[in-house]
Amino acid sequence: MSDSYYRVTENELLEDYLKVQNILIIDSKNQLESQIREQTDRNQQDNYVIKGKLLEKKKRSKN
């Protein structure tokens, strides 16, 4: 009967834990650091898009 159940490896448990670690920990420092990383990534993406649009606008205005 025990062969019928899914058995997780220690590595799988660790990977799953690391994915939700910030949610499980009460310390807000980790959550804030995660939010800062996410916001920084979004800002970098936004800056890339804005610079591309500005470059397009400059090219159009030269023509």
Protein backbone atom coordinates (compact mmCIF):
# COMPACT_ATOMS: atom_id res chain seq x y z
CA MET A 1 0.00 0.00 0.00
CA SER A 2 2.82 2.44 0.72
CA ASP A 3 4.00 2.08 -2.89
CA SER A 4 0.79 3.77 -4.03
CA TYR A 5 1.64 7.09 -2.43
CA TYR A 6 3.81 9.78 -3.94
CA ARG A 7 7.06 10.18 -2.05
CA VAL A 8 8.87 13.46 -2.25
CA THR A 9 12.65 13.65 -2.21
CA GLU A 10 14.48 15.97 0.15
CA ASN A 11 15.56 18.11 -2.81
CA GLU A 12 11.96 18.51 -3.96
CA LEU A 13 10.92 19.52 -0.45
CA LEU A 14 13.74 22.03 -0.27
CA GLU A 15 12.88 23.53 -3.67
CA ASP A 16 9.22 23.89 -2.68
CA TYR A 17 10.14 25.41 0.66
CA LEU A 18 12.50 27.93 -0.93
CA LYS A 19 9.74 29.03 -3.31
CA VAL A 20 7.45 30.02 -0.43
CA GLN A 21 10.02 30.82 2.23
CA ASN A 22 9.32 34.57 2.24
CA ILE A 23 5.62 33.98 2.74
CA LEU A 24 6.18 31.61 5.65
CA ILE A 25 8.63 33.80 7.53
CA ILE A 26 7.10 36.45 9.75
CA ASP A 27 10.15 38.74 9.53
CA SER A 28 9.11 41.54 7.21
CA LYS A 29 12.71 42.23 6.16
CA ASN A 30 12.71 39.28 3.74
CA GLN A 31 9.34 40.26 2.32
CA LEU A 32 10.46 43.86 1.84
CA GLU A 33 13.70 42.78 0.14
CA SER A 34 11.70 40.59 -2.22
CA GLN A 35 9.33 43.45 -3.01
CA ILE A 36 12.28 45.77 -3.64
CA ARG A 37 13.82 43.25 -6.05
CA GLU A 38 10.53 42.87 -7.93
CA GLN A 39 10.03 46.63 -8.13
CA THR A 40 13.62 47.16 -9.31
CA ASP A 41 13.09 44.61 -12.07
CA ARG A 42 9.88 46.34 -13.14
CA ASN A 43 11.61 49.73 -13.12
CA GLN A 44 14.43 48.42 -15.30
CA GLN A 45 11.94 47.00 -17.78
CA ASP A 46 9.99 50.27 -17.83
CA ASN A 47 13.19 52.27 -18.37
CA TYR A 48 14.14 50.03 -21.28
CA VAL A 49 10.76 50.60 -22.92
CA ILE A 50 10.87 54.35 -22.32
CA LYS A 51 14.39 54.67 -23.75
CA GLY A 52 13.32 52.70 -26.82
CA LYS A 53 10.31 54.95 -27.39
CA LEU A 54 12.44 58.08 -26.95
CA LEU A 55 14.94 56.75 -29.47
CA GLU A 56 12.13 56.06 -31.96
CA LYS A 57 10.77 59.58 -31.45
CA LYS A 58 14.21 61.13 -32.01
CA LYS A 59 14.65 59.12 -35.23
CA ARG A 60 11.24 60.27 -36.49
CA SER A 61 11.92 63.90 -35.66
CA LYS A 62 15.22 63.83 -37.61
CA ASN A 63 13.41 62.70 -40.78
